[in-house]
Amino acid sequence: MFTGFEKIVEERIKTAQKNGAFDKLAGSGKPLDFSNETMVPDDLRIAYKILKNADFIPPEIELKKKILQTEELLAEADDIRDKYKLLKKLNFLIVKLNSMQNRSMAFEMPQHYSSKLAERFKNGCTLKNND
């Protein structure tokens, strides 16, 4: 689900791709180099290095991974009950992630509501309370 601004940005990126604006960029096809730590403040570099060496993943990143996995499962699910359960789980994870971050609501990840699922419920398909 894109906001108006995100749609404009996405359209401009797609247009630039079609016009070949990204074809001959420096470093194209090469792996990214994450070893450059010049943008990390001096007082945090050693802490980040220790956490990285210990294979520590921040809780926000783990939640984002779970959100992506749940979105993939939702896209592949066929049964309406499974979709409903996955949608509830996805929205819970998004609310949890948004509550962990201290930032404006304008920058929060939007909850996902599947229009097709909502349409099915509107047309008379309901779930029993035993789910």
N, C-alpha and C. Protein backbone atom coordinates (compact mmCIF):
# COMPACT_ATOMS: atom_id res chain seq x y z
N MET A 1 0.84 -1.18 0.00
CA MET A 1 0.00 0.00 0.00
C MET A 1 0.88 1.24 0.00
N PHE A 2 0.79 2.03 -1.04
CA PHE A 2 1.62 3.22 -1.15
C PHE A 2 0.82 4.46 -0.80
N THR A 3 1.50 5.44 -0.19
CA THR A 3 0.90 6.75 -0.01
C THR A 3 1.04 7.48 -1.33
N GLY A 4 0.43 8.66 -1.44
CA GLY A 4 0.51 9.43 -2.68
C GLY A 4 1.93 9.75 -3.07
N PHE A 5 2.74 10.17 -2.09
CA PHE A 5 4.13 10.52 -2.37
C PHE A 5 4.91 9.29 -2.82
N GLU A 6 4.70 8.16 -2.16
CA GLU A 6 5.41 6.93 -2.53
C GLU A 6 5.05 6.49 -3.94
N LYS A 7 3.80 6.69 -4.35
CA LYS A 7 3.39 6.33 -5.70
C LYS A 7 4.13 7.18 -6.73
N ILE A 8 4.27 8.46 -6.45
CA ILE A 8 4.97 9.36 -7.36
C ILE A 8 6.43 8.94 -7.49
N VAL A 9 7.06 8.66 -6.35
CA VAL A 9 8.46 8.24 -6.36
C VAL A 9 8.61 6.93 -7.13
N GLU A 10 7.74 5.99 -6.88
CA GLU A 10 7.79 4.68 -7.55
C GLU A 10 7.63 4.84 -9.06
N GLU A 11 6.71 5.69 -9.47
CA GLU A 11 6.50 5.92 -10.91
C GLU A 11 7.74 6.53 -11.55
N ARG A 12 8.36 7.49 -10.87
CA ARG A 12 9.56 8.13 -11.42
C ARG A 12 10.72 7.15 -11.51
N ILE A 13 10.84 6.28 -10.53
CA ILE A 13 11.90 5.26 -10.57
C ILE A 13 11.67 4.32 -11.75
N LYS A 14 10.44 3.86 -11.93
CA LYS A 14 10.13 2.95 -13.03
C LYS A 14 10.39 3.62 -14.38
N THR A 15 10.02 4.89 -14.50
CA THR A 15 10.28 5.63 -15.74
C THR A 15 11.77 5.73 -16.01
N ALA A 16 12.55 6.04 -14.97
CA ALA A 16 14.00 6.14 -15.12
C ALA A 16 14.60 4.79 -15.51
N GLN A 17 14.07 3.70 -14.94
CA GLN A 17 14.55 2.36 -15.31
C GLN A 17 14.28 2.07 -16.78
N LYS A 18 13.08 2.41 -17.24
CA LYS A 18 12.73 2.17 -18.64
C LYS A 18 13.61 2.97 -19.59
N ASN A 19 13.98 4.19 -19.15
CA ASN A 19 14.81 5.06 -19.98
C ASN A 19 16.30 4.73 -19.89
N GLY A 20 16.65 3.75 -19.04
CA GLY A 20 18.04 3.31 -18.92
C GLY A 20 18.91 4.19 -18.05
N ALA A 21 18.32 4.96 -17.17
CA ALA A 21 19.10 5.87 -16.31
C ALA A 21 19.98 5.12 -15.32
N PHE A 22 19.66 3.85 -15.02
CA PHE A 22 20.42 3.09 -14.04
C PHE A 22 21.35 2.06 -14.67
N ASP A 23 21.45 2.06 -15.99
CA ASP A 23 22.21 1.02 -16.69
C ASP A 23 23.72 1.10 -16.48
N LYS A 24 24.28 2.30 -16.46
CA LYS A 24 25.73 2.44 -16.42
C LYS A 24 26.20 3.17 -15.16
N LEU A 25 25.67 2.80 -14.02
CA LEU A 25 26.09 3.42 -12.76
C LEU A 25 27.41 2.82 -12.28
N ALA A 26 28.21 3.63 -11.61
CA ALA A 26 29.47 3.14 -11.06
C ALA A 26 29.19 2.05 -10.03
N GLY A 27 29.91 0.96 -10.12
CA GLY A 27 29.73 -0.14 -9.18
C GLY A 27 28.57 -1.06 -9.53
N SER A 28 27.96 -0.87 -10.66
CA SER A 28 26.83 -1.69 -11.06
C SER A 28 27.26 -3.16 -11.17
N GLY A 29 26.50 -4.05 -10.56
CA GLY A 29 26.80 -5.47 -10.62
C GLY A 29 27.79 -5.94 -9.59
N LYS A 30 28.33 -5.02 -8.78
CA LYS A 30 29.31 -5.38 -7.76
C LYS A 30 28.62 -5.39 -6.39
N PRO A 31 29.10 -6.23 -5.48
CA PRO A 31 28.48 -6.25 -4.14
C PRO A 31 28.74 -4.93 -3.40
N LEU A 32 27.82 -4.58 -2.52
CA LEU A 32 27.97 -3.38 -1.72
C LEU A 32 29.04 -3.58 -0.66
N ASP A 33 29.78 -2.53 -0.36
CA ASP A 33 30.83 -2.59 0.66
C ASP A 33 30.31 -1.96 1.95
N PHE A 34 30.06 -2.79 2.95
CA PHE A 34 29.55 -2.31 4.23
C PHE A 34 30.65 -2.10 5.26
N SER A 35 31.90 -2.25 4.86
CA SER A 35 33.00 -2.12 5.82
C SER A 35 33.33 -0.66 6.11
N ASN A 36 32.87 0.28 5.31
CA ASN A 36 33.13 1.69 5.53
C ASN A 36 32.28 2.19 6.69
N GLU A 37 32.92 2.52 7.79
CA GLU A 37 32.20 2.94 8.99
C GLU A 37 32.35 4.43 9.26
N THR A 38 32.66 5.22 8.25
CA THR A 38 32.88 6.65 8.45
C THR A 38 31.60 7.38 8.85
N MET A 39 30.44 6.83 8.52
CA MET A 39 29.18 7.49 8.86
C MET A 39 28.70 7.13 10.27
N VAL A 40 29.37 6.18 10.91
CA VAL A 40 29.00 5.78 12.27
C VAL A 40 29.80 6.66 13.25
N PRO A 41 29.12 7.25 14.23
CA PRO A 41 29.84 8.08 15.21
C PRO A 41 30.94 7.28 15.92
N ASP A 42 32.04 7.96 16.25
CA ASP A 42 33.18 7.29 16.87
C ASP A 42 32.80 6.53 18.13
N ASP A 43 31.95 7.11 18.97
CA ASP A 43 31.60 6.47 20.23
C ASP A 43 30.73 5.23 20.06
N LEU A 44 30.16 5.02 18.88
CA LEU A 44 29.31 3.84 18.64
C LEU A 44 30.00 2.76 17.82
N ARG A 45 31.10 3.08 17.18
CA ARG A 45 31.76 2.11 16.29
C ARG A 45 32.14 0.82 17.00
N ILE A 46 32.78 0.92 18.15
CA ILE A 46 33.23 -0.29 18.85
C ILE A 46 32.04 -1.11 19.32
N ALA A 47 30.99 -0.43 19.79
CA ALA A 47 29.79 -1.15 20.24
C ALA A 47 29.14 -1.89 19.07
N TYR A 48 29.03 -1.23 17.92
CA TYR A 48 28.44 -1.87 16.74
C TYR A 48 29.29 -3.06 16.29
N LYS A 49 30.60 -2.90 16.37
CA LYS A 49 31.50 -3.98 15.95
C LYS A 49 31.34 -5.20 16.86
N ILE A 50 31.23 -4.96 18.17
CA ILE A 50 31.04 -6.06 19.13
C ILE A 50 29.71 -6.77 18.86
N LEU A 51 28.64 -6.00 18.66
CA LEU A 51 27.33 -6.59 18.39
C LEU A 51 27.34 -7.38 17.08
N LYS A 52 28.00 -6.83 16.07
CA LYS A 52 28.09 -7.51 14.78
C LYS A 52 28.85 -8.82 14.91
N ASN A 53 29.96 -8.81 15.64
CA ASN A 53 30.76 -10.03 15.83
C ASN A 53 30.02 -11.09 16.64
N ALA A 54 29.10 -10.66 17.49
CA ALA A 54 28.32 -11.59 18.30
C ALA A 54 27.05 -12.06 17.58
N ASP A 55 26.89 -11.65 16.31
CA ASP A 55 25.70 -11.98 15.51
C ASP A 55 24.41 -11.52 16.18
N PHE A 56 24.48 -10.36 16.84
CA PHE A 56 23.30 -9.79 17.47
C PHE A 56 22.46 -9.07 16.43
N ILE A 57 21.17 -9.33 16.43
CA ILE A 57 20.25 -8.64 15.54
C ILE A 57 19.29 -7.84 16.41
N PRO A 58 19.19 -6.52 16.17
CA PRO A 58 18.26 -5.70 16.95
C PRO A 58 16.83 -6.21 16.83
N PRO A 59 16.03 -6.07 17.89
CA PRO A 59 14.64 -6.57 17.86
C PRO A 59 13.83 -5.99 16.71
N GLU A 60 14.08 -4.73 16.34
CA GLU A 60 13.33 -4.12 15.24
C GLU A 60 13.60 -4.85 13.93
N ILE A 61 14.84 -5.24 13.72
CA ILE A 61 15.21 -5.94 12.49
C ILE A 61 14.58 -7.33 12.47
N GLU A 62 14.58 -8.01 13.62
CA GLU A 62 13.93 -9.33 13.68
C GLU A 62 12.44 -9.23 13.39
N LEU A 63 11.80 -8.18 13.93
CA LEU A 63 10.38 -7.98 13.66
C LEU A 63 10.12 -7.71 12.18
N LYS A 64 10.99 -6.91 11.56
CA LYS A 64 10.83 -6.63 10.14
C LYS A 64 10.97 -7.91 9.32
N LYS A 65 11.87 -8.80 9.72
CA LYS A 65 12.01 -10.09 9.03
C LYS A 65 10.74 -10.92 9.18
N LYS A 66 10.17 -10.94 10.39
CA LYS A 66 8.93 -11.69 10.61
C LYS A 66 7.79 -11.11 9.79
N ILE A 67 7.76 -9.77 9.68
CA ILE A 67 6.72 -9.11 8.88
C ILE A 67 6.84 -9.53 7.43
N LEU A 68 8.05 -9.52 6.89
CA LEU A 68 8.26 -9.94 5.50
C LEU A 68 7.86 -11.39 5.28
N GLN A 69 8.22 -12.27 6.23
CA GLN A 69 7.86 -13.68 6.11
C GLN A 69 6.34 -13.86 6.13
N THR A 70 5.67 -13.11 7.01
CA THR A 70 4.22 -13.21 7.12
C THR A 70 3.55 -12.68 5.86
N GLU A 71 4.10 -11.59 5.29
CA GLU A 71 3.55 -11.07 4.04
C GLU A 71 3.67 -12.10 2.91
N GLU A 72 4.80 -12.79 2.86
CA GLU A 72 4.99 -13.82 1.84
C GLU A 72 4.00 -14.97 2.03
N LEU A 73 3.81 -15.39 3.28
CA LEU A 73 2.84 -16.45 3.56
C LEU A 73 1.43 -16.01 3.19
N LEU A 74 1.09 -14.77 3.48
CA LEU A 74 -0.23 -14.24 3.16
C LEU A 74 -0.46 -14.23 1.65
N ALA A 75 0.57 -13.87 0.90
CA ALA A 75 0.44 -13.83 -0.56
C ALA A 75 0.25 -15.23 -1.14
N GLU A 76 0.79 -16.24 -0.49
CA GLU A 76 0.69 -17.61 -1.00
C GLU A 76 -0.51 -18.38 -0.46
N ALA A 77 -1.14 -17.87 0.60
CA ALA A 77 -2.25 -18.60 1.24
C ALA A 77 -3.47 -18.64 0.32
N ASP A 78 -4.14 -19.80 0.31
CA ASP A 78 -5.35 -19.97 -0.50
C ASP A 78 -6.60 -19.97 0.37
N ASP A 79 -6.52 -20.59 1.53
CA ASP A 79 -7.68 -20.72 2.41
C ASP A 79 -7.98 -19.40 3.08
N ILE A 80 -9.25 -19.02 3.11
CA ILE A 80 -9.65 -17.73 3.68
C ILE A 80 -9.36 -17.67 5.18
N ARG A 81 -9.48 -18.81 5.87
CA ARG A 81 -9.18 -18.84 7.30
C ARG A 81 -7.70 -18.57 7.55
N ASP A 82 -6.85 -19.19 6.73
CA ASP A 82 -5.41 -18.96 6.86
C ASP A 82 -5.06 -17.50 6.57
N LYS A 83 -5.70 -16.95 5.54
CA LYS A 83 -5.45 -15.55 5.21
C LYS A 83 -5.85 -14.63 6.36
N TYR A 84 -6.99 -14.91 6.94
CA TYR A 84 -7.48 -14.08 8.06
C TYR A 84 -6.50 -14.15 9.24
N LYS A 85 -6.07 -15.36 9.58
CA LYS A 85 -5.13 -15.52 10.70
C LYS A 85 -3.80 -14.82 10.41
N LEU A 86 -3.31 -14.97 9.17
CA LEU A 86 -2.05 -14.33 8.80
C LEU A 86 -2.18 -12.81 8.78
N LEU A 87 -3.33 -12.32 8.35
CA LEU A 87 -3.56 -10.87 8.34
C LEU A 87 -3.58 -10.32 9.75
N LYS A 88 -4.23 -11.05 10.67
CA LYS A 88 -4.24 -10.63 12.08
C LYS A 88 -2.82 -10.62 12.64
N LYS A 89 -2.06 -11.66 12.34
CA LYS A 89 -0.68 -11.75 12.82
C LYS A 89 0.16 -10.61 12.25
N LEU A 90 -0.01 -10.35 10.96
CA LEU A 90 0.75 -9.29 10.29
C LEU A 90 0.46 -7.94 10.92
N ASN A 91 -0.80 -7.64 11.13
CA ASN A 91 -1.15 -6.35 11.73
C ASN A 91 -0.63 -6.24 13.16
N PHE A 92 -0.65 -7.35 13.91
CA PHE A 92 -0.09 -7.34 15.26
C PHE A 92 1.40 -7.03 15.23
N LEU A 93 2.13 -7.68 14.31
CA LEU A 93 3.57 -7.44 14.21
C LEU A 93 3.87 -5.99 13.82
N ILE A 94 3.06 -5.44 12.93
CA ILE A 94 3.27 -4.05 12.51
C ILE A 94 3.00 -3.09 13.66
N VAL A 95 1.93 -3.33 14.41
CA VAL A 95 1.64 -2.48 15.57
C VAL A 95 2.78 -2.59 16.59
N LYS A 96 3.27 -3.79 16.81
CA LYS A 96 4.38 -4.00 17.75
C LYS A 96 5.63 -3.24 17.30
N LEU A 97 5.95 -3.32 16.00
CA LEU A 97 7.11 -2.60 15.47
C LEU A 97 6.92 -1.09 15.61
N ASN A 98 5.75 -0.60 15.27
CA ASN A 98 5.50 0.83 15.38
C ASN A 98 5.58 1.32 16.82
N SER A 99 5.17 0.49 17.76
CA SER A 99 5.22 0.90 19.16
C SER A 99 6.64 0.90 19.72
N MET A 100 7.54 0.14 19.09
CA MET A 100 8.94 0.09 19.56
C MET A 100 9.74 1.30 19.10
N GLN A 101 9.28 1.94 18.05
CA GLN A 101 10.05 3.05 17.47
C GLN A 101 9.51 4.38 17.98
N ASN A 102 10.40 5.25 18.34
CA ASN A 102 10.01 6.57 18.82
C ASN A 102 10.08 7.57 17.66
N ARG A 103 9.01 7.62 16.89
CA ARG A 103 8.96 8.57 15.80
C ARG A 103 7.51 8.93 15.51
N SER A 104 7.34 9.91 14.65
CA SER A 104 6.02 10.42 14.32
C SER A 104 5.17 9.34 13.67
N MET A 105 3.86 9.42 13.91
CA MET A 105 2.93 8.45 13.31
C MET A 105 2.95 8.51 11.79
N ALA A 106 3.35 9.65 11.23
CA ALA A 106 3.39 9.79 9.78
C ALA A 106 4.41 8.84 9.15
N PHE A 107 5.41 8.42 9.95
CA PHE A 107 6.46 7.55 9.44
C PHE A 107 6.26 6.10 9.84
N GLU A 108 5.16 5.77 10.49
CA GLU A 108 4.91 4.40 10.89
C GLU A 108 4.59 3.54 9.69
N MET A 109 4.90 2.26 9.81
CA MET A 109 4.56 1.29 8.77
C MET A 109 3.04 1.09 8.81
N PRO A 110 2.37 1.21 7.66
CA PRO A 110 0.91 1.05 7.66
C PRO A 110 0.51 -0.41 7.86
N GLN A 111 -0.63 -0.60 8.52
CA GLN A 111 -1.15 -1.95 8.66
C GLN A 111 -1.68 -2.40 7.30
N HIS A 112 -1.70 -3.70 7.10
CA HIS A 112 -2.14 -4.26 5.82
C HIS A 112 -3.57 -4.76 5.94
N TYR A 113 -4.39 -4.30 5.04
CA TYR A 113 -5.75 -4.79 4.97
C TYR A 113 -5.97 -5.27 3.54
N SER A 114 -6.30 -6.50 3.39
CA SER A 114 -6.48 -7.08 2.08
C SER A 114 -7.90 -6.77 1.58
N SER A 115 -7.98 -6.01 0.50
CA SER A 115 -9.30 -5.64 -0.03
C SER A 115 -10.08 -6.87 -0.50
N LYS A 116 -9.38 -7.83 -1.07
CA LYS A 116 -10.08 -9.03 -1.52
C LYS A 116 -10.67 -9.80 -0.34
N LEU A 117 -9.91 -9.88 0.74
CA LEU A 117 -10.40 -10.58 1.92
C LEU A 117 -11.61 -9.86 2.50
N ALA A 118 -11.52 -8.55 2.56
CA ALA A 118 -12.63 -7.76 3.08
C ALA A 118 -13.87 -7.93 2.19
N GLU A 119 -13.64 -7.98 0.88
CA GLU A 119 -14.76 -8.16 -0.06
C GLU A 119 -15.42 -9.51 0.14
N ARG A 120 -14.62 -10.54 0.41
CA ARG A 120 -15.19 -11.87 0.65
C ARG A 120 -16.06 -11.87 1.91
N PHE A 121 -15.57 -11.19 2.95
CA PHE A 121 -16.36 -11.12 4.17
C PHE A 121 -17.66 -10.35 3.94
N LYS A 122 -17.58 -9.30 3.15
CA LYS A 122 -18.76 -8.49 2.87
C LYS A 122 -19.79 -9.28 2.09
N ASN A 123 -19.33 -10.17 1.24
CA ASN A 123 -20.23 -10.95 0.41
C ASN A 123 -20.78 -12.20 1.09
N GLY A 124 -20.63 -12.28 2.41
CA GLY A 124 -21.28 -13.35 3.12
C GLY A 124 -20.40 -14.47 3.61
N CYS A 125 -19.13 -14.47 3.32
CA CYS A 125 -18.23 -15.51 3.81
C CYS A 125 -17.78 -15.12 5.20
N THR A 126 -18.12 -15.89 6.20
CA THR A 126 -17.75 -15.58 7.57
C THR A 126 -16.95 -16.70 8.19
N LEU A 127 -16.27 -16.38 9.27
CA LEU A 127 -15.52 -17.37 10.02
C LEU A 127 -16.29 -17.76 11.26
N LYS A 128 -16.14 -18.99 11.69
CA LYS A 128 -16.75 -19.43 12.94
C LYS A 128 -15.90 -18.95 14.10
N ASN A 129 -16.47 -18.89 15.27
CA ASN A 129 -15.76 -18.39 16.46
C ASN A 129 -14.73 -19.35 17.00
N ASN A 130 -14.61 -20.54 16.46
CA ASN A 130 -13.64 -21.51 17.00
C ASN A 130 -12.25 -21.27 16.49
N ASP A 131 -12.00 -20.20 15.71
CA ASP A 131 -10.65 -19.90 15.20
C ASP A 131 -9.93 -19.01 16.17
